[in-house]
Protein backbone atom coordinates (compact mmCIF):
# COMPACT_ATOMS: atom_id res chain seq x y z
CA MET A 1 0.09 0.00 0.02
CA GLN A 2 1.36 3.21 -0.91
CA GLY A 3 1.98 5.89 1.80
CA LYS A 4 0.08 9.21 1.96
CA THR A 5 1.33 12.74 3.14
CA LEU A 6 -0.29 14.49 6.07
CA VAL A 7 -0.16 18.53 6.21
CA ILE A 8 -0.69 19.63 9.72
CA GLY A 9 -1.86 23.08 9.96
CA ALA A 10 -3.50 23.22 7.06
CA SER A 11 -6.04 25.44 7.22
CA GLY A 12 -3.53 28.42 7.68
CA GLN A 13 -1.82 30.78 5.33
CA ILE A 14 0.54 28.16 3.57
CA GLY A 15 -1.66 24.99 4.11
CA ILE A 16 -4.52 25.44 1.76
CA GLU A 17 -2.11 26.05 -1.42
CA LEU A 18 0.18 23.35 -0.26
CA VAL A 19 -2.64 20.83 -0.14
CA THR A 20 -3.45 21.99 -3.51
CA ALA A 21 -0.30 21.68 -4.65
CA LEU A 22 0.20 18.53 -3.85
CA ARG A 23 -3.71 16.69 -4.24
CA THR A 24 -2.83 18.09 -8.03
CA LYS A 25 0.65 16.26 -7.90
CA HIS A 26 -0.34 12.86 -5.96
CA GLY A 27 -4.55 12.46 -5.86
CA HIS A 28 -6.64 13.49 -4.00
CA GLN A 29 -7.06 10.39 -1.79
CA GLN A 30 -2.93 10.51 -1.04
CA VAL A 31 -3.06 13.71 0.64
CA VAL A 32 -4.86 14.16 3.96
CA ALA A 33 -5.26 17.62 5.70
CA SER A 34 -5.72 18.50 9.15
CA ASP A 35 -5.90 21.12 11.38
CA ILE A 36 -7.22 21.50 15.27
CA ARG A 37 -10.77 22.44 14.24
CA VAL A 38 -13.31 21.23 11.30
CA SER A 39 -12.10 23.74 7.66
CA GLU A 40 -15.10 25.32 5.66
CA SER A 41 -12.31 25.03 2.90
CA PRO A 42 -13.66 23.57 -0.23
CA GLU A 43 -9.69 22.92 -1.08
CA LEU A 44 -9.18 21.05 1.83
CA ASN A 45 -12.17 19.21 1.63
CA ASP A 46 -12.23 17.63 -1.71
CA GLY A 47 -9.96 14.75 0.06
CA PRO A 48 -9.29 13.63 3.16
CA PHE A 49 -9.67 15.37 6.50
CA GLU A 50 -8.50 14.84 9.89
CA VAL A 51 -9.40 17.33 13.10
CA LEU A 52 -6.10 17.40 14.89
CA ASN A 53 -4.51 19.14 18.20
CA VAL A 54 -0.95 18.22 17.40
CA LEU A 55 0.01 18.33 21.06
CA ASN A 56 -2.05 15.04 21.48
CA MET A 57 0.43 12.98 20.45
CA ASP A 58 -1.93 10.09 20.70
CA GLU A 59 -4.48 11.55 18.24
CA LEU A 60 -1.19 12.45 15.69
CA GLU A 61 -0.12 8.66 16.15
CA ARG A 62 -3.48 7.67 15.42
CA ILE A 63 -4.25 9.06 12.33
CA VAL A 64 -0.47 8.33 11.18
CA ASP A 65 -1.59 4.95 11.44
CA LYS A 66 -4.87 5.23 10.06
CA HIS A 67 -3.60 6.77 6.72
CA ASN A 68 -0.71 5.31 6.39
CA ILE A 69 1.31 8.44 6.62
CA THR A 70 4.91 8.45 5.71
CA GLU A 71 5.57 11.95 4.73
CA VAL A 72 4.20 14.78 7.19
CA TYR A 73 4.70 18.68 6.44
CA HIS A 74 4.18 20.16 9.85
CA LEU A 75 2.58 23.83 9.61
CA ALA A 76 1.09 23.91 12.68
CA ALA A 77 2.56 27.67 14.26
CA MET A 78 1.70 30.69 16.43
CA LEU A 79 3.21 33.43 13.84
CA SER A 80 4.99 36.13 15.31
CA ALA A 81 2.87 39.21 16.13
CA THR A 82 0.14 36.82 17.73
CA SER A 83 3.44 34.79 19.29
CA GLU A 84 4.18 38.06 21.39
CA LYS A 85 0.89 38.38 22.88
CA ASN A 86 0.72 35.09 24.30
CA PRO A 87 4.05 33.78 24.88
CA GLU A 88 3.94 30.57 26.98
CA ARG A 89 1.16 29.16 24.71
CA ALA A 90 3.12 30.21 21.29
CA TRP A 91 5.87 28.16 22.91
CA ASP A 92 4.10 25.41 23.49
CA LEU A 93 2.44 24.63 20.16
CA ASN A 94 5.89 25.66 18.25
CA MET A 95 8.34 23.77 20.18
CA ASN A 96 5.90 20.38 21.41
CA GLY A 97 4.27 20.28 18.19
CA LEU A 98 7.31 19.86 16.33
CA PHE A 99 8.50 16.99 18.80
CA HIS A 100 5.94 14.79 18.51
CA VAL A 101 6.12 14.96 14.57
CA LEU A 102 10.18 13.89 15.39
CA ASP A 103 9.59 11.28 17.73
CA LEU A 104 7.26 9.86 15.43
CA ALA A 105 9.98 10.10 12.29
CA LYS A 106 12.74 8.35 15.38
CA HIS A 107 10.67 5.73 15.69
CA GLN A 108 10.26 4.56 11.88
CA LYS A 109 6.36 5.70 11.40
CA ILE A 110 7.22 8.28 9.09
CA LYS A 111 9.99 8.23 6.85
CA LYS A 112 10.04 12.14 5.50
CA VAL A 113 9.11 15.65 7.55
CA PHE A 114 8.98 19.17 6.32
CA TRP A 115 8.91 21.83 8.83
CA PRO A 116 9.03 25.47 8.48
CA SER A 117 11.72 27.71 9.96
CA SER A 118 11.92 31.27 9.19
CA ILE A 119 14.03 35.06 8.90
CA ALA A 120 12.71 35.41 12.58
CA VAL A 121 15.84 33.38 13.38
CA PHE A 122 17.39 36.30 12.62
CA GLY A 123 17.80 39.19 15.00
CA PRO A 124 19.41 42.71 15.77
CA SER A 125 22.86 41.98 15.22
CA THR A 126 22.43 39.77 12.27
CA PRO A 127 24.21 41.19 9.18
CA LYS A 128 20.82 43.16 7.37
CA GLN A 129 21.80 43.05 3.53
CA MET A 130 22.15 39.67 1.30
CA THR A 131 21.85 37.73 5.25
CA PRO A 132 24.45 34.58 4.72
CA GLN A 133 23.29 31.13 5.53
CA TYR A 134 25.69 30.82 8.43
CA THR A 135 25.52 33.81 11.00
CA VAL A 136 25.09 35.58 14.19
CA MET A 137 21.29 34.31 15.16
CA GLU A 138 20.15 36.03 18.27
CA PRO A 139 15.93 36.60 17.44
CA ASN A 140 14.49 38.65 20.43
CA SER A 141 10.76 37.55 19.62
CA VAL A 142 8.93 34.03 20.82
CA TYR A 143 8.25 33.20 17.29
CA GLY A 144 12.34 33.90 16.30
CA ILE A 145 13.41 31.82 19.67
CA SER A 146 11.31 29.07 19.27
CA LYS A 147 11.96 28.96 15.38
CA LEU A 148 15.65 28.94 16.11
CA ALA A 149 15.76 26.02 18.65
CA GLY A 150 13.40 23.94 16.19
CA GLU A 151 16.32 24.24 13.80
CA ARG A 152 18.73 22.60 16.30
CA TRP A 153 16.36 20.14 17.06
CA CYS A 154 16.03 19.37 13.52
CA GLU A 155 19.64 19.07 12.95
CA TYR A 156 19.95 16.95 16.13
CA TYR A 157 17.60 14.37 15.03
CA HIS A 158 18.76 14.00 11.52
CA GLU A 159 22.37 13.48 13.23
CA LYS A 160 21.27 11.48 16.05
CA PHE A 161 18.76 9.57 14.87
CA GLY A 162 19.15 9.40 11.32
CA VAL A 163 15.61 11.22 10.82
CA ASP A 164 14.92 12.86 7.04
CA VAL A 165 13.76 16.10 8.08
CA ARG A 166 13.72 19.28 5.56
CA SER A 167 13.34 23.11 6.40
CA LEU A 168 12.99 26.16 4.77
CA ARG A 169 13.97 29.83 6.10
CA TYR A 170 10.08 31.31 4.90
CA PRO A 171 10.77 34.77 4.17
CA GLY A 172 7.03 36.98 4.23
CA LEU A 173 4.81 35.29 2.25
CA ILE A 174 2.04 36.52 0.08
CA GLY A 175 -0.68 34.85 -1.43
CA TYR A 176 -4.24 35.54 -2.69
CA LYS A 177 -5.88 32.56 -1.78
CA SER A 178 -6.45 33.01 2.16
CA ASP A 179 -6.30 35.91 4.26
CA PRO A 180 -3.08 36.92 6.45
CA GLY A 181 -2.33 34.63 9.45
CA GLY A 182 -0.90 37.03 12.21
CA GLY A 183 2.69 37.68 10.76
CA THR A 184 4.14 41.13 10.60
CA THR A 185 4.97 40.48 7.39
CA ASP A 186 1.13 40.37 6.36
CA TYR A 187 1.11 43.71 5.43
CA ALA A 188 1.85 42.70 2.57
CA VAL A 189 -1.06 40.80 1.71
CA ASP A 190 -3.82 43.05 3.54
CA ILE A 191 -2.36 46.15 1.62
CA PHE A 192 -3.63 44.70 -1.70
CA HIS A 193 -6.96 43.81 -0.18
CA GLN A 194 -7.54 47.37 1.31
CA ALA A 195 -6.26 49.06 -1.67
CA LEU A 196 -9.41 47.07 -3.53
CA GLU A 197 -12.00 47.37 -0.90
CA LYS A 198 -11.24 50.66 0.34
CA GLY A 199 -8.62 52.74 -2.19
CA SER A 200 -6.41 53.16 1.17
CA TYR A 201 -4.34 51.14 4.07
CA GLN A 202 -2.71 52.26 7.37
CA CYS A 203 0.22 50.43 7.36
CA PHE A 204 1.88 49.41 10.68
CA LEU A 205 5.32 49.03 9.96
CA SER A 206 7.26 52.47 8.63
CA GLU A 207 7.51 53.30 5.15
CA ASN A 208 11.29 52.66 4.45
CA THR A 209 11.11 48.84 6.20
CA MET A 210 12.92 46.39 3.76
CA LEU A 211 11.97 43.42 4.58
CA PRO A 212 12.27 40.01 2.34
CA MET A 213 9.22 38.66 0.73
CA MET A 214 8.33 35.73 -1.44
CA MET A 215 5.25 35.22 -3.75
CA MET A 216 2.96 32.10 -2.45
CA ASP A 217 3.81 29.79 -5.76
CA ASP A 218 7.43 30.26 -5.12
CA ALA A 219 6.90 29.51 -1.59
CA ILE A 220 4.96 26.05 -2.63
CA ARG A 221 7.06 25.63 -5.30
CA ALA A 222 10.57 25.36 -3.02
CA THR A 223 8.65 23.28 -0.36
CA ILE A 224 7.85 20.28 -2.38
CA SER A 225 11.17 20.80 -4.49
CA ILE A 226 13.47 20.43 -0.99
CA MET A 227 11.18 17.42 -0.43
CA GLU A 228 11.48 15.75 -4.08
CA ALA A 229 15.15 16.25 -3.96
CA PRO A 230 17.68 13.20 -3.31
CA ALA A 231 18.47 13.14 0.30
CA GLU A 232 22.28 13.59 -0.60
CA GLN A 233 21.67 17.02 -2.26
CA ILE A 234 19.97 18.28 1.33
CA LYS A 235 23.12 19.28 2.92
CA ILE A 236 21.60 21.30 5.47
CA ARG A 237 19.53 19.71 8.03
CA SER A 238 18.65 22.60 10.01
CA SER A 239 17.39 25.38 7.37
CA TYR A 240 18.01 26.50 4.23
CA ASN A 241 17.77 30.23 3.57
CA VAL A 242 15.63 31.03 0.55
CA ALA A 243 14.97 34.23 -1.28
CA GLY A 244 12.19 35.76 -3.31
CA CYS A 245 12.41 39.40 -3.63
CA SER A 246 12.66 42.53 -1.08
CA PHE A 247 10.79 45.84 -0.60
CA THR A 248 9.58 48.34 1.57
CA PRO A 249 5.70 49.40 1.90
CA SER A 250 6.31 52.98 0.08
CA GLU A 251 8.16 50.83 -2.70
CA LEU A 252 4.79 48.10 -2.89
CA ALA A 253 2.47 51.33 -2.48
CA GLN A 254 3.76 52.98 -5.15
CA LEU A 255 3.19 49.48 -7.71
CA ILE A 256 -0.29 49.42 -6.50
CA LYS A 257 -0.39 52.86 -7.60
CA GLU A 258 0.12 52.57 -10.78
CA GLN A 259 -2.23 50.56 -11.03
CA ILE A 260 -5.52 52.03 -9.01
CA PRO A 261 -4.28 55.56 -8.81
CA GLU A 262 -6.83 56.64 -6.25
CA PHE A 263 -4.59 54.78 -3.58
CA SER A 264 -3.05 55.99 -0.71
CA ILE A 265 -1.24 55.13 1.90
CA THR A 266 -0.50 56.18 5.63
CA TYR A 267 1.53 55.05 8.25
CA GLU A 268 1.17 54.23 12.09
CA PRO A 269 3.92 51.82 13.39
CA ASP A 270 2.95 49.49 16.10
CA PHE A 271 4.38 46.45 18.20
CA ARG A 272 5.48 44.65 14.84
CA GLN A 273 7.99 47.15 13.78
CA LYS A 274 10.17 46.44 16.80
CA ILE A 275 10.00 42.82 15.38
CA ALA A 276 10.52 43.72 11.75
CA ASP A 277 13.92 46.09 12.48
CA SER A 278 15.12 43.26 14.07
CA TRP A 279 15.45 41.09 10.48
CA PRO A 280 17.17 41.04 7.91
CA GLY A 281 16.35 43.35 4.11
CA SER A 282 17.34 40.68 2.14
CA ILE A 283 18.53 36.99 1.78
CA ASP A 284 21.68 35.35 0.77
CA ASP A 285 20.25 31.95 -0.81
CA SER A 286 23.43 30.38 -2.48
CA GLU A 287 23.43 27.01 -0.99
CA ALA A 288 19.72 26.63 -1.71
CA ARG A 289 20.59 27.31 -5.31
CA ALA A 290 23.61 25.34 -5.64
CA HIS A 291 22.31 22.06 -3.51
CA TRP A 292 18.53 21.66 -5.09
CA ASN A 293 18.75 24.05 -7.84
CA TRP A 294 16.30 26.92 -6.32
CA LYS A 295 15.53 29.78 -8.12
CA ALA A 296 12.65 32.16 -7.00
CA ALA A 297 10.53 33.36 -10.48
CA TYR A 298 8.61 36.60 -9.23
CA ASP A 299 10.34 39.56 -8.63
CA THR A 300 8.49 42.80 -7.07
CA THR A 301 6.86 43.94 -9.70
CA LYS A 302 5.23 40.65 -11.05
CA LEU A 303 4.28 39.86 -7.10
CA ALA A 304 2.36 42.96 -7.25
CA ASP A 305 0.47 42.40 -10.80
CA THR A 306 -0.14 38.74 -10.09
CA MET A 307 -1.85 40.19 -6.18
CA ILE A 308 -4.08 42.78 -7.94
CA ARG A 309 -4.77 40.86 -10.79
CA GLU A 310 -5.87 37.55 -8.86
CA LEU A 311 -7.73 39.57 -6.11
CA ARG A 312 -9.78 41.16 -8.47
CA HIS A 313 -10.92 38.03 -10.37
CA LYS A 314 -11.71 36.58 -6.54
CA LYS A 315 -13.82 40.17 -5.68
CA LYS A 316 -15.51 39.48 -9.00
CA ALA A 317 -16.32 35.93 -8.65
CA GLU A 318 -17.53 36.52 -5.13
CA THR A 319 -19.99 39.32 -6.13
CA LEU A 320 -21.19 37.14 -8.66
CA VAL A 321 -21.93 34.16 -6.30
CA THR A 322 -23.57 36.70 -3.99
CA ARG A 323 -26.03 38.41 -6.87
C-alpha cells in the first residue's frame, strides 16, 4: 500500500495552497489535510480531512497509522505577532508540536518530514543585507526563538537518529488565496485587499522598512522541491535560506498606485515595527541554489501585478455568487 502525505495546520496561509498543489500532483486521496478545527475550505474538503491537535501525541499517532502516513508537512504554529501576545502558548505549540512529529519519525512511523523555519531566526545583530546561511542568530521575538530552537532540534534528530527532516527559512509570504495569518510581514498581503476594497491602507510598519518577501507560488514550489530532492543533495538539516524579492511598504504602495491611481497609504508603526527592525532586508540563498537548484520566479513587480489581478478576479467571482 502506497504511503500517504499528512499536512498539519492545513487551514493556514501556506497549508491550503500546499494541500492543493500536493493533491494535484499525487491525487486527492493521497494527501490528508488536518487542522485543530473542522475546515470550511472547499480546497481542503475535496479529499481526506482530519481534526487534529498536534499537541495530542496519541491522536497524531492514530491518524498516522489510520492513513498509512509516510510524509508529514508540519505547518502548525503561532506566528510572530500573535506569539508576542501569548508567549507561553506559542512556545508550547511551536516546540512540542515539532517534537511529536520528530519523535514519530525517530521511531520510523514517518519517513520524511518538512518543517518551516523563518527569517525570524535572525536578530538585530545579524547582517542586514544578503544575510548569509551561516551567521549570527540572536532572535528577540518568541516566534524567532522557537524557530531557532526548532532548527537545532531538526539537525539533532537527523544527526542522532537519522530522521529525514527538511526545512526552509521562509521570508514574508504573499498569496491571494487565503487571509493574513498574524505575521509581521502580513501587511504585504492586507495592503492589496484594502487597496481594492477601500482605496487606502494604514500600514503598521514604517514606509522604509525593507523586508524579504516571497510569492506563495514560489514558496509552494520551493517546499515541494526540497522534499522531492534526493537525500544526498540536502546538505543542511537545520534550515535553508530561500529568497524571493525584497521591498519596502512605500515601494509596494507605488506599484499599487500604478494600477489603482486613487490608492493612498498612511503609516502608524506599532509593536510589529520592533520585530521587523530585527529582521534582514535581503537574503543570500546561495546554498539552496547550489544544493537543490532553487530559484525564485517572482520579482516585486510580477508579485504586485499577480496579486492585483487575482484578487480582482476573486472579488468579481464572489460578487457574482452573492447576486
